[in-house]
Amino acid sequence: MRDVIGLWLYLKKHGSRLGGNTGPFALRTLGVDTFLFTQDVEGFLRSHGIVEGGRTSQRALKAAQAYFNDLREQSGKSLAELSRIISFCHGQNRVQ
């Protein structure tokens, strides 16, 4: 699926309580290949100049989608794997 963001926005508009990261988490649980726009992923995208401005803006979401689509084509990995790798590589990852 190339337009994961479109599916997120559809769920947010038509689904009860499926805004924020709830929709993407539900999709991933149902087996849909999707990335998660967590704080670590957002931080990575911001530090690399991919996302600017509001996190939930159409521009930011489309930029994130384009980046993940390119990364998937280059690496052959799923969106879920890519967002997990990025989140492990960026931010504070402490084992307690």
Foldseek 3Di string as FASTA:
>chain_A
DLPVVVVQVVCVVPPDPSHQQNVVVVCVVVPHQAAGPDPQVVVVCVVVVQADDDCPDPSNVVSSSVVLVVVCVVPVDTNHVVNVVSSVVGDDDDDD
